[in-house]
Every structure is written in C-alpha cells, then in structure tokens.
Amino acid sequence: MTRSEKIDPLFEPRLPLLNPNKPVPLYHQIYVAIRQKIQSGDLPTGSKIPGELQLAEQLDVSRITVKRALNELAQSGLVTRQRGRGTIVTANTDLNFNDSGRDYVKNVEKLRNTTQAIIISREIVTAPSSVSANLELPNKTEVEKIAHCLQLEKKILSYVETFLPLGLTDGLTNTELKEASLLTLLNRKNITAKRAEQTILPVSASEVVAQALDATEGLPLLKIHCVMYDYDNRPIQDIYAWYHPDRYKYKMTLENLDGANLTHRKAKK
C-alpha cells in the first residue's frame, strides 16, 4: 500500500466491526457493514474496496471469509469484481426486467440492497376511493399506509406510499421495514406475491411529494403505480412511487417475440 492510499475507517482493525460471539457469521457481518457504508454514501460509486488479503489482515479473519463477503456484495449488485481492477462499488438503480415474476422480485430486492430506506410514517387511514378499488375493499375501509424514501449516496432517490389491508404487517417493526422490502417481509409471513400490475407515467411533483424528495414543486418526475396480488389473486399492496428521472433508469427486456408466438396470440383474440 502506498502512502497516498487511504483506507476507509470501516476497515481499521481498532473498530469493533466483527463479533465472533454473535450468531451471525463473520462473512455476513462484513457484508452488512460494507453494504451500510455503500448505502449511506460513505463508499460512493467508483470507490475501490481493499483486496481480500488486505481486508483479511485488517479484520483478523481468513481470506475465505472476506472472499465470501465480497462475493455476496457482488451478487447483491453493490460491487463488481474484476481481475486486475479489484472490487469496485457500483451501487446504482438500473433495474432490468423481463417477463418473469421471479425476475421482478429479484430486481426489487436489488433496489433495496443498493439503497437506504427512511421510514417517514406508518398509520391507519381511511382508504381513498382509488385505493379501495385497487385493494378490492368497500369504500371508506381503513387500511395501513406506510410512507418511506429510498436514499442513495446521501441523495433522495424516491418517495413511496404503500397501502395494505389491515393485519398483513402485524408484528413487523419499523426497523425491519428499513432493512428489507415488504415483499420479503410478507413472504416470511407466508404472504407471497404471485403477480403485479404496474403503470409508469410522467407527472409533476405535488407539494407533498416535492417536500419528501427535497425537490421543487412542479418538477417533472417518474411515477410508478403497482398493485401486488397473492396466489389467491387477492390484492395485498397498492404502491405509489415517485422517482427523480435523473437518478433512476428502468430497462425492460421482452422475450419470446418471435413471429409464430405473436401470430398465435392474435389468433386467440
């Protein structure tokens, strides 16, 4: 290591970073600590993380432990690992979707892994008529509303309002909501999303949304509306998300567009 290279304080051995007495494996403790640094912006996109041997020495763990942690970060989309270049932070919000529901869930998780959630409010409200319709509930039914922001490198990326039927999130804490997506948390409660209906449209920031995004009212935004359904075809989430268009990119891959398949679909109409 040259004199000009500076090691992030995260990797200094004097910090109580790892606790071998915890039930959490050491590699996952390293993974979580580095992920938090990336999400907070302390390790911005383009930063280089020390090599396996250097980290192993600094943290007093085996190289295999460090390697597993860095591989987990790569699988989460937080870093890229290339021979000759090392491990580079690449946290971003480029999501790539195809027609697979599993792919959709995977990319939602990627977005949560590369961002930091800030819970703004969590309350019981009377559902607006549109929400009642989307959740297939009677008018003026009470629902749970969770509002949160996603932050990337100390900049607000999105503002999200989620409406759910009462009872679905019973037992879930705000800490859990900060650490994982509702898709993941509900799945742990055996409430699994099977399909989603999503709409993307350009809008202007309202006063409430502009304040949440730390933006100017009237600023052009990208709005995504999504209704999630479980395996019994019951709506379980009605989601409204507003994104800065310069901080978010949505890329969709459409498959099976061969002429025979299109002809078959037309014939069924």
C-alpha atoms as a PDB file:
ATOM      1  CA  MET A   1       0.000   0.000   0.000  1.00  0.00           C
ATOM      2  CA  THR A   2       1.400   3.411  -0.962  1.00  0.00           C
ATOM      3  CA  ARG A   3       1.374   6.466   1.272  1.00  0.00           C
ATOM      4  CA  SER A   4      -1.238   8.127  -0.939  1.00  0.00           C
ATOM      5  CA  GLU A   5      -3.768   5.315  -0.461  1.00  0.00           C
ATOM      6  CA  LYS A   6      -6.277   5.903   2.295  1.00  0.00           C
ATOM      7  CA  ILE A   7      -8.197   3.107   3.952  1.00  0.00           C
ATOM      8  CA  ASP A   8     -11.797   3.804   4.885  1.00  0.00           C
ATOM      9  CA  PRO A   9     -12.256   3.827   8.712  1.00  0.00           C
ATOM     10  CA  LEU A  10     -14.591   0.859   8.267  1.00  0.00           C
ATOM     11  CA  PHE A  11     -11.574  -1.361   7.666  1.00  0.00           C
ATOM     12  CA  GLU A  12      -9.383  -0.196  10.523  1.00  0.00           C
ATOM     13  CA  PRO A  13      -8.877  -3.108  12.940  1.00  0.00           C
ATOM     14  CA  ARG A  14      -9.397  -0.989  16.049  1.00  0.00           C
ATOM     15  CA  LEU A  15     -13.105  -0.635  15.250  1.00  0.00           C
ATOM     16  CA  PRO A  16     -15.339  -3.263  16.889  1.00  0.00           C
ATOM     17  CA  LEU A  17     -16.594  -4.338  13.488  1.00  0.00           C
ATOM     18  CA  LEU A  18     -16.719  -8.096  13.964  1.00  0.00           C
ATOM     19  CA  ASN A  19     -18.078 -10.048  16.894  1.00  0.00           C
ATOM     20  CA  PRO A  20     -17.293 -13.791  16.748  1.00  0.00           C
ATOM     21  CA  ASN A  21     -19.772 -14.394  19.590  1.00  0.00           C
ATOM     22  CA  LYS A  22     -22.735 -13.282  17.501  1.00  0.00           C
ATOM     23  CA  PRO A  23     -24.874 -15.955  15.840  1.00  0.00           C
ATOM     24  CA  VAL A  24     -24.397 -14.037  12.578  1.00  0.00           C
ATOM     25  CA  PRO A  25     -21.490 -15.480  10.528  1.00  0.00           C
ATOM     26  CA  LEU A  26     -18.404 -13.291  10.242  1.00  0.00           C
ATOM     27  CA  TYR A  27     -18.689 -13.025   6.447  1.00  0.00           C
ATOM     28  CA  HIS A  28     -22.228 -11.653   6.800  1.00  0.00           C
ATOM     29  CA  GLN A  29     -21.102  -9.130   9.431  1.00  0.00           C
ATOM     30  CA  ILE A  30     -18.546  -7.856   6.915  1.00  0.00           C
ATOM     31  CA  TYR A  31     -21.162  -7.843   4.147  1.00  0.00           C
ATOM     32  CA  VAL A  32     -23.643  -5.818   6.250  1.00  0.00           C
ATOM     33  CA  ALA A  33     -21.010  -3.299   7.390  1.00  0.00           C
ATOM     34  CA  ILE A  34     -19.783  -2.607   3.846  1.00  0.00           C
ATOM     35  CA  ARG A  35     -23.353  -2.511   2.497  1.00  0.00           C
ATOM     36  CA  GLN A  36     -24.288   0.132   5.070  1.00  0.00           C
ATOM     37  CA  LYS A  37     -21.272   2.216   4.047  1.00  0.00           C
ATOM     38  CA  ILE A  38     -22.341   1.997   0.395  1.00  0.00           C
ATOM     39  CA  GLN A  39     -25.979   2.833   1.163  1.00  0.00           C
ATOM     40  CA  SER A  40     -25.024   5.840   3.281  1.00  0.00           C
ATOM     41  CA  GLY A  41     -22.700   7.205   0.588  1.00  0.00           C
ATOM     42  CA  ASP A  42     -19.546   6.854   2.674  1.00  0.00           C
ATOM     43  CA  LEU A  43     -18.369   4.477  -0.052  1.00  0.00           C
ATOM     44  CA  PRO A  44     -19.670   6.171  -3.224  1.00  0.00           C
ATOM     45  CA  THR A  45     -19.951   4.615  -6.654  1.00  0.00           C
ATOM     46  CA  GLY A  46     -16.491   4.081  -8.116  1.00  0.00           C
ATOM     47  CA  SER A  47     -14.776   3.551  -4.759  1.00  0.00           C
ATOM     48  CA  LYS A  48     -12.270   0.708  -4.565  1.00  0.00           C
ATOM     49  CA  ILE A  49     -12.544  -1.705  -1.661  1.00  0.00           C
ATOM     50  CA  PRO A  50      -9.275  -3.145  -0.284  1.00  0.00           C
ATOM     51  CA  GLY A  51      -8.250  -6.570  -1.588  1.00  0.00           C
ATOM     52  CA  GLU A  52      -9.016  -9.888   0.064  1.00  0.00           C
ATOM     53  CA  LEU A  53      -5.620 -10.308   1.715  1.00  0.00           C
ATOM     54  CA  GLN A  54      -5.520  -6.724   2.971  1.00  0.00           C
ATOM     55  CA  LEU A  55      -9.016  -6.946   4.434  1.00  0.00           C
ATOM     56  CA  ALA A  56      -8.321 -10.338   5.972  1.00  0.00           C
ATOM     57  CA  GLU A  57      -5.279  -8.943   7.777  1.00  0.00           C
ATOM     58  CA  GLN A  58      -7.075  -5.808   8.933  1.00  0.00           C
ATOM     59  CA  LEU A  59     -10.106  -7.689  10.205  1.00  0.00           C
ATOM     60  CA  ASP A  60      -8.173 -10.685  11.542  1.00  0.00           C
ATOM     61  CA  VAL A  61     -10.235 -13.211   9.596  1.00  0.00           C
ATOM     62  CA  SER A  62      -9.471 -15.734   6.885  1.00  0.00           C
ATOM     63  CA  ARG A  63      -9.245 -14.776   3.245  1.00  0.00           C
ATOM     64  CA  ILE A  64     -12.104 -17.206   2.523  1.00  0.00           C
ATOM     65  CA  THR A  65     -14.355 -15.252   4.910  1.00  0.00           C
ATOM     66  CA  VAL A  66     -13.562 -11.971   3.177  1.00  0.00           C
ATOM     67  CA  LYS A  67     -13.973 -13.524  -0.263  1.00  0.00           C
ATOM     68  CA  ARG A  68     -17.437 -14.797   0.612  1.00  0.00           C
ATOM     69  CA  ALA A  69     -18.483 -11.361   1.916  1.00  0.00           C
ATOM     70  CA  LEU A  70     -17.276  -9.632  -1.252  1.00  0.00           C
ATOM     71  CA  ASN A  71     -18.968 -12.232  -3.444  1.00  0.00           C
ATOM     72  CA  GLU A  72     -22.242 -11.604  -1.567  1.00  0.00           C
ATOM     73  CA  LEU A  73     -21.862  -7.880  -2.257  1.00  0.00           C
ATOM     74  CA  ALA A  74     -21.324  -8.636  -5.947  1.00  0.00           C
ATOM     75  CA  GLN A  75     -24.401 -10.873  -6.068  1.00  0.00           C
ATOM     76  CA  SER A  76     -26.442  -8.068  -4.488  1.00  0.00           C
ATOM     77  CA  GLY A  77     -25.339  -5.663  -7.224  1.00  0.00           C
ATOM     78  CA  LEU A  78     -23.397  -3.440  -4.849  1.00  0.00           C
ATOM     79  CA  VAL A  79     -19.928  -4.070  -6.282  1.00  0.00           C
ATOM     80  CA  THR A  80     -18.233  -5.573  -9.305  1.00  0.00           C
ATOM     81  CA  ARG A  81     -15.185  -7.812  -9.049  1.00  0.00           C
ATOM     82  CA  GLN A  82     -12.683  -7.904 -11.887  1.00  0.00           C
ATOM     83  CA  ARG A  83      -9.256  -9.454 -12.091  1.00  0.00           C
ATOM     84  CA  GLY A  84      -6.649  -6.724 -12.199  1.00  0.00           C
ATOM     85  CA  ARG A  85      -9.066  -4.000 -11.045  1.00  0.00           C
ATOM     86  CA  GLY A  86     -10.207  -5.369  -7.710  1.00  0.00           C
ATOM     87  CA  THR A  87     -13.592  -4.774  -6.079  1.00  0.00           C
ATOM     88  CA  ILE A  88     -15.323  -1.564  -7.183  1.00  0.00           C
ATOM     89  CA  VAL A  89     -18.510  -0.057  -5.724  1.00  0.00           C
ATOM     90  CA  THR A  90     -21.151   0.043  -8.451  1.00  0.00           C
ATOM     91  CA  ALA A  91     -24.332   0.699  -6.465  1.00  0.00           C
ATOM     92  CA  ASN A  92     -26.939   2.030  -8.847  1.00  0.00           C
ATOM     93  CA  THR A  93     -30.654   1.935  -9.590  1.00  0.00           C
ATOM     94  CA  ASP A  94     -30.558   0.435 -13.068  1.00  0.00           C
ATOM     95  CA  LEU A  95     -33.219  -2.269 -12.956  1.00  0.00           C
ATOM     96  CA  ASN A  96     -33.545  -4.836 -15.723  1.00  0.00           C
ATOM     97  CA  PHE A  97     -36.878  -6.626 -16.062  1.00  0.00           C
ATOM     98  CA  ASN A  98     -38.172  -9.383 -18.303  1.00  0.00           C
ATOM     99  CA  ASP A  99     -41.488 -11.211 -18.215  1.00  0.00           C
ATOM    100  CA  SER A 100     -40.577 -13.324 -15.186  1.00  0.00           C
ATOM    101  CA  GLY A 101     -42.213 -12.635 -11.821  1.00  0.00           C
ATOM    102  CA  ARG A 102     -39.151 -14.065 -10.128  1.00  0.00           C
ATOM    103  CA  ASP A 103     -37.014 -11.559 -12.031  1.00  0.00           C
ATOM    104  CA  TYR A 104     -39.254  -8.712 -10.852  1.00  0.00           C
ATOM    105  CA  VAL A 105     -38.869  -9.704  -7.196  1.00  0.00           C
ATOM    106  CA  LYS A 106     -35.114 -10.120  -7.650  1.00  0.00           C
ATOM    107  CA  ASN A 107     -34.755  -6.602  -9.013  1.00  0.00           C
ATOM    108  CA  VAL A 108     -36.933  -5.065  -6.319  1.00  0.00           C
ATOM    109  CA  GLU A 109     -34.589  -6.675  -3.813  1.00  0.00           C
ATOM    110  CA  LYS A 110     -31.607  -5.297  -5.707  1.00  0.00           C
ATOM    111  CA  LEU A 111     -33.033  -1.795  -5.435  1.00  0.00           C
ATOM    112  CA  ARG A 112     -33.472  -2.184  -1.671  1.00  0.00           C
ATOM    113  CA  ASN A 113     -29.982  -3.638  -1.289  1.00  0.00           C
ATOM    114  CA  THR A 114     -28.393  -0.683  -3.055  1.00  0.00           C
ATOM    115  CA  THR A 115     -30.379   1.996  -1.211  1.00  0.00           C
ATOM    116  CA  GLN A 116     -31.128   3.047   2.337  1.00  0.00           C
ATOM    117  CA  ALA A 117     -34.769   3.202   3.451  1.00  0.00           C
ATOM    118  CA  ILE A 118     -36.074   6.056   5.582  1.00  0.00           C
ATOM    119  CA  ILE A 119     -39.481   5.403   7.183  1.00  0.00           C
ATOM    120  CA  ILE A 120     -41.459   8.661   7.168  1.00  0.00           C
ATOM    121  CA  SER A 121     -44.786   7.499   8.581  1.00  0.00           C
ATOM    122  CA  ARG A 122     -46.832   4.411   9.343  1.00  0.00           C
ATOM    123  CA  GLU A 123     -50.504   4.894  10.141  1.00  0.00           C
ATOM    124  CA  ILE A 124     -54.061   3.625   9.842  1.00  0.00           C
ATOM    125  CA  VAL A 125     -56.058   5.753   7.384  1.00  0.00           C
ATOM    126  CA  THR A 126     -59.375   5.694   5.561  1.00  0.00           C
ATOM    127  CA  ALA A 127     -58.562   4.447   2.097  1.00  0.00           C
ATOM    128  CA  PRO A 128     -59.089   6.889  -0.787  1.00  0.00           C
ATOM    129  CA  SER A 129     -61.664   5.578  -3.246  1.00  0.00           C
ATOM    130  CA  SER A 130     -58.974   4.614  -5.780  1.00  0.00           C
ATOM    131  CA  VAL A 131     -57.072   2.608  -3.157  1.00  0.00           C
ATOM    132  CA  SER A 132     -60.269   0.860  -2.030  1.00  0.00           C
ATOM    133  CA  ALA A 133     -60.929  -0.121  -5.630  1.00  0.00           C
ATOM    134  CA  ASN A 134     -57.378  -1.373  -6.211  1.00  0.00           C
ATOM    135  CA  LEU A 135     -57.396  -3.414  -2.996  1.00  0.00           C
ATOM    136  CA  GLU A 136     -60.951  -4.603  -3.723  1.00  0.00           C
ATOM    137  CA  LEU A 137     -62.236  -3.257  -0.409  1.00  0.00           C
ATOM    138  CA  PRO A 138     -65.513  -1.445   0.411  1.00  0.00           C
ATOM    139  CA  ASN A 139     -65.399   2.356   0.281  1.00  0.00           C
ATOM    140  CA  LYS A 140     -64.055   4.105   3.380  1.00  0.00           C
ATOM    141  CA  THR A 141     -62.358   0.945   4.653  1.00  0.00           C
ATOM    142  CA  GLU A 142     -59.423   1.532   6.983  1.00  0.00           C
ATOM    143  CA  VAL A 143     -56.046   0.421   5.632  1.00  0.00           C
ATOM    144  CA  GLU A 144     -52.429   0.708   6.668  1.00  0.00           C
ATOM    145  CA  LYS A 145     -50.358   3.379   4.933  1.00  0.00           C
ATOM    146  CA  ILE A 146     -46.561   3.251   5.008  1.00  0.00           C
ATOM    147  CA  ALA A 147     -44.591   6.168   3.553  1.00  0.00           C
ATOM    148  CA  HIS A 148     -40.859   5.932   3.045  1.00  0.00           C
ATOM    149  CA  CYS A 149     -37.988   7.330   1.000  1.00  0.00           C
ATOM    150  CA  LEU A 150     -35.098   5.489  -0.602  1.00  0.00           C
ATOM    151  CA  GLN A 151     -31.721   7.185  -0.359  1.00  0.00           C
ATOM    152  CA  LEU A 152     -28.648   6.511  -2.479  1.00  0.00           C
ATOM    153  CA  GLU A 153     -25.280   8.115  -1.744  1.00  0.00           C
ATOM    154  CA  LYS A 154     -26.912  10.688   0.557  1.00  0.00           C
ATOM    155  CA  LYS A 155     -29.412  11.763  -2.136  1.00  0.00           C
ATOM    156  CA  ILE A 156     -33.134  11.011  -2.026  1.00  0.00           C
ATOM    157  CA  LEU A 157     -33.955   8.702  -4.928  1.00  0.00           C
ATOM    158  CA  SER A 158     -37.660   8.077  -4.418  1.00  0.00           C
ATOM    159  CA  TYR A 159     -40.724   8.655  -2.276  1.00  0.00           C
ATOM    160  CA  VAL A 160     -43.080   5.699  -1.851  1.00  0.00           C
ATOM    161  CA  GLU A 161     -46.571   5.339  -0.378  1.00  0.00           C
ATOM    162  CA  THR A 162     -47.816   1.787   0.187  1.00  0.00           C
ATOM    163  CA  PHE A 163     -51.380   0.900   1.185  1.00  0.00           C
ATOM    164  CA  LEU A 164     -52.156  -2.544   2.613  1.00  0.00           C
ATOM    165  CA  PRO A 165     -55.220  -4.303   4.064  1.00  0.00           C
ATOM    166  CA  LEU A 166     -55.129  -4.255   7.861  1.00  0.00           C
ATOM    167  CA  GLY A 167     -53.355  -7.118   9.583  1.00  0.00           C
ATOM    168  CA  LEU A 168     -50.796  -8.000   6.936  1.00  0.00           C
ATOM    169  CA  THR A 169     -47.908  -6.295   8.718  1.00  0.00           C
ATOM    170  CA  ASP A 170     -48.857  -7.269  12.272  1.00  0.00           C
ATOM    171  CA  GLY A 171     -45.680  -7.964  14.216  1.00  0.00           C
ATOM    172  CA  LEU A 172     -43.374  -6.142  11.812  1.00  0.00           C
ATOM    173  CA  THR A 173     -41.234  -3.379  13.310  1.00  0.00           C
ATOM    174  CA  ASN A 174     -40.062  -0.167  11.673  1.00  0.00           C
ATOM    175  CA  THR A 175     -36.512  -1.485  11.936  1.00  0.00           C
ATOM    176  CA  GLU A 176     -37.484  -4.486   9.831  1.00  0.00           C
ATOM    177  CA  LEU A 177     -39.183  -2.202   7.304  1.00  0.00           C
ATOM    178  CA  LYS A 178     -35.943  -0.231   6.980  1.00  0.00           C
ATOM    179  CA  GLU A 179     -33.828  -3.323   6.424  1.00  0.00           C
ATOM    180  CA  ALA A 180     -35.954  -5.268   3.934  1.00  0.00           C
ATOM    181  CA  SER A 181     -38.693  -4.743   1.360  1.00  0.00           C
ATOM    182  CA  LEU A 182     -42.332  -5.504   2.135  1.00  0.00           C
ATOM    183  CA  LEU A 183     -42.152  -8.239  -0.497  1.00  0.00           C
ATOM    184  CA  THR A 184     -39.512 -10.026   1.567  1.00  0.00           C
ATOM    185  CA  LEU A 185     -41.135  -9.367   4.937  1.00  0.00           C
ATOM    186  CA  LEU A 186     -44.573 -10.521   3.820  1.00  0.00           C
ATOM    187  CA  ASN A 187     -43.053 -13.594   2.203  1.00  0.00           C
ATOM    188  CA  ARG A 188     -41.602 -14.517   5.592  1.00  0.00           C
ATOM    189  CA  LYS A 189     -45.175 -14.423   6.895  1.00  0.00           C
ATOM    190  CA  ASN A 190     -46.235 -16.767   4.063  1.00  0.00           C
ATOM    191  CA  ILE A 191     -47.950 -13.917   2.222  1.00  0.00           C
ATOM    192  CA  THR A 192     -46.347 -14.304  -1.175  1.00  0.00           C
ATOM    193  CA  ALA A 193     -46.850 -12.101  -4.225  1.00  0.00           C
ATOM    194  CA  LYS A 194     -47.637 -14.000  -7.407  1.00  0.00           C
ATOM    195  CA  ARG A 195     -48.189 -11.189  -9.902  1.00  0.00           C
ATOM    196  CA  ALA A 196     -48.124  -7.418 -10.231  1.00  0.00           C
ATOM    197  CA  GLU A 197     -49.873  -4.868 -12.411  1.00  0.00           C
ATOM    198  CA  GLN A 198     -47.677  -1.829 -12.996  1.00  0.00           C
ATOM    199  CA  THR A 199     -48.110   1.536 -14.682  1.00  0.00           C
ATOM    200  CA  ILE A 200     -45.341   4.062 -15.397  1.00  0.00           C
ATOM    201  CA  LEU A 201     -46.117   7.675 -16.270  1.00  0.00           C
ATOM    202  CA  PRO A 202     -44.574  11.165 -16.136  1.00  0.00           C
ATOM    203  CA  VAL A 203     -46.028  13.547 -13.543  1.00  0.00           C
ATOM    204  CA  SER A 204     -45.262  16.866 -11.851  1.00  0.00           C
ATOM    205  CA  ALA A 205     -44.249  16.871  -8.201  1.00  0.00           C
ATOM    206  CA  SER A 206     -47.028  17.838  -5.814  1.00  0.00           C
ATOM    207  CA  GLU A 207     -46.243  19.805  -2.668  1.00  0.00           C
ATOM    208  CA  VAL A 208     -46.141  16.652  -0.505  1.00  0.00           C
ATOM    209  CA  VAL A 209     -44.007  14.667  -2.929  1.00  0.00           C
ATOM    210  CA  ALA A 210     -41.660  17.590  -3.587  1.00  0.00           C
ATOM    211  CA  GLN A 211     -41.081  18.021   0.134  1.00  0.00           C
ATOM    212  CA  ALA A 212     -40.333  14.314   0.571  1.00  0.00           C
ATOM    213  CA  LEU A 213     -37.889  14.316  -2.348  1.00  0.00           C
ATOM    214  CA  ASP A 214     -36.302  17.613  -1.318  1.00  0.00           C
ATOM    215  CA  ALA A 215     -37.276  18.925  -4.745  1.00  0.00           C
ATOM    216  CA  THR A 216     -39.138  21.861  -6.267  1.00  0.00           C
ATOM    217  CA  GLU A 217     -42.901  21.631  -6.578  1.00  0.00           C
ATOM    218  CA  GLY A 218     -43.826  21.014 -10.213  1.00  0.00           C
ATOM    219  CA  LEU A 219     -40.549  19.226 -11.005  1.00  0.00           C
ATOM    220  CA  PRO A 220     -41.028  16.509 -13.679  1.00  0.00           C
ATOM    221  CA  LEU A 221     -40.953  13.070 -12.031  1.00  0.00           C
ATOM    222  CA  LEU A 222     -41.405   9.445 -12.954  1.00  0.00           C
ATOM    223  CA  LYS A 223     -44.383   7.861 -11.163  1.00  0.00           C
ATOM    224  CA  ILE A 224     -44.780   4.103 -10.842  1.00  0.00           C
ATOM    225  CA  HIS A 225     -48.062   2.621  -9.657  1.00  0.00           C
ATOM    226  CA  CYS A 226     -48.096  -1.084  -8.799  1.00  0.00           C
ATOM    227  CA  VAL A 227     -50.734  -3.426  -7.374  1.00  0.00           C
ATOM    228  CA  MET A 228     -49.408  -6.709  -5.976  1.00  0.00           C
ATOM    229  CA  TYR A 229     -51.538  -9.881  -5.833  1.00  0.00           C
ATOM    230  CA  ASP A 230     -51.049 -13.078  -3.826  1.00  0.00           C
ATOM    231  CA  TYR A 231     -51.545 -16.658  -5.001  1.00  0.00           C
ATOM    232  CA  ASP A 232     -55.270 -16.431  -4.275  1.00  0.00           C
ATOM    233  CA  ASN A 233     -55.403 -13.422  -6.617  1.00  0.00           C
ATOM    234  CA  ARG A 234     -56.119 -11.073  -3.728  1.00  0.00           C
ATOM    235  CA  PRO A 235     -54.509  -7.603  -3.850  1.00  0.00           C
ATOM    236  CA  ILE A 236     -52.055  -7.232  -0.975  1.00  0.00           C
ATOM    237  CA  GLN A 237     -50.253  -3.971  -1.780  1.00  0.00           C
ATOM    238  CA  ASP A 238     -51.218  -0.782  -3.607  1.00  0.00           C
ATOM    239  CA  ILE A 239     -47.953   1.066  -4.221  1.00  0.00           C
ATOM    240  CA  TYR A 240     -47.301   4.604  -5.476  1.00  0.00           C
ATOM    241  CA  ALA A 241     -43.670   5.595  -6.070  1.00  0.00           C
ATOM    242  CA  TRP A 242     -42.207   8.859  -7.360  1.00  0.00           C
ATOM    243  CA  TYR A 243     -38.642   8.930  -8.716  1.00  0.00           C
ATOM    244  CA  HIS A 244     -36.199  11.595  -9.821  1.00  0.00           C
ATOM    245  CA  PRO A 245     -35.859  10.854 -13.561  1.00  0.00           C
ATOM    246  CA  ASP A 246     -32.150  11.682 -13.486  1.00  0.00           C
ATOM    247  CA  ARG A 247     -31.499   9.188 -10.675  1.00  0.00           C
ATOM    248  CA  TYR A 248     -33.475   6.212 -11.887  1.00  0.00           C
ATOM    249  CA  LYS A 249     -33.424   4.133 -15.042  1.00  0.00           C
ATOM    250  CA  TYR A 250     -35.977   1.476 -15.951  1.00  0.00           C
ATOM    251  CA  LYS A 251     -34.974  -1.079 -18.555  1.00  0.00           C
ATOM    252  CA  MET A 252     -37.289  -3.871 -19.688  1.00  0.00           C
ATOM    253  CA  THR A 253     -36.369  -6.971 -21.672  1.00  0.00           C
ATOM    254  CA  LEU A 254     -39.215  -8.529 -23.660  1.00  0.00           C
ATOM    255  CA  GLU A 255     -38.758 -12.150 -24.613  1.00  0.00           C
ATOM    256  CA  ASN A 256     -40.457 -14.665 -26.923  1.00  0.00           C
ATOM    257  CA  LEU A 257     -41.398 -12.083 -29.544  1.00  0.00           C
ATOM    258  CA  ASP A 258     -40.952 -14.465 -32.484  1.00  0.00           C
ATOM    259  CA  GLY A 259     -43.479 -14.195 -35.282  1.00  0.00           C
ATOM    260  CA  ALA A 260     -45.079 -17.559 -34.579  1.00  0.00           C
ATOM    261  CA  ASN A 261     -45.812 -16.634 -30.984  1.00  0.00           C
ATOM    262  CA  LEU A 262     -47.319 -13.284 -31.981  1.00  0.00           C
ATOM    263  CA  THR A 263     -49.472 -14.981 -34.589  1.00  0.00           C
ATOM    264  CA  HIS A 264     -50.687 -17.466 -32.018  1.00  0.00           C
ATOM    265  CA  ARG A 265     -51.687 -14.694 -29.631  1.00  0.00           C
ATOM    266  CA  LYS A 266     -53.567 -12.805 -32.324  1.00  0.00           C
ATOM    267  CA  ALA A 267     -55.441 -15.960 -33.255  1.00  0.00           C
ATOM    268  CA  LYS A 268     -56.730 -16.300 -29.690  1.00  0.00           C
ATOM    269  CA  LYS A 269     -58.418 -12.879 -29.706  1.00  0.00           C
END
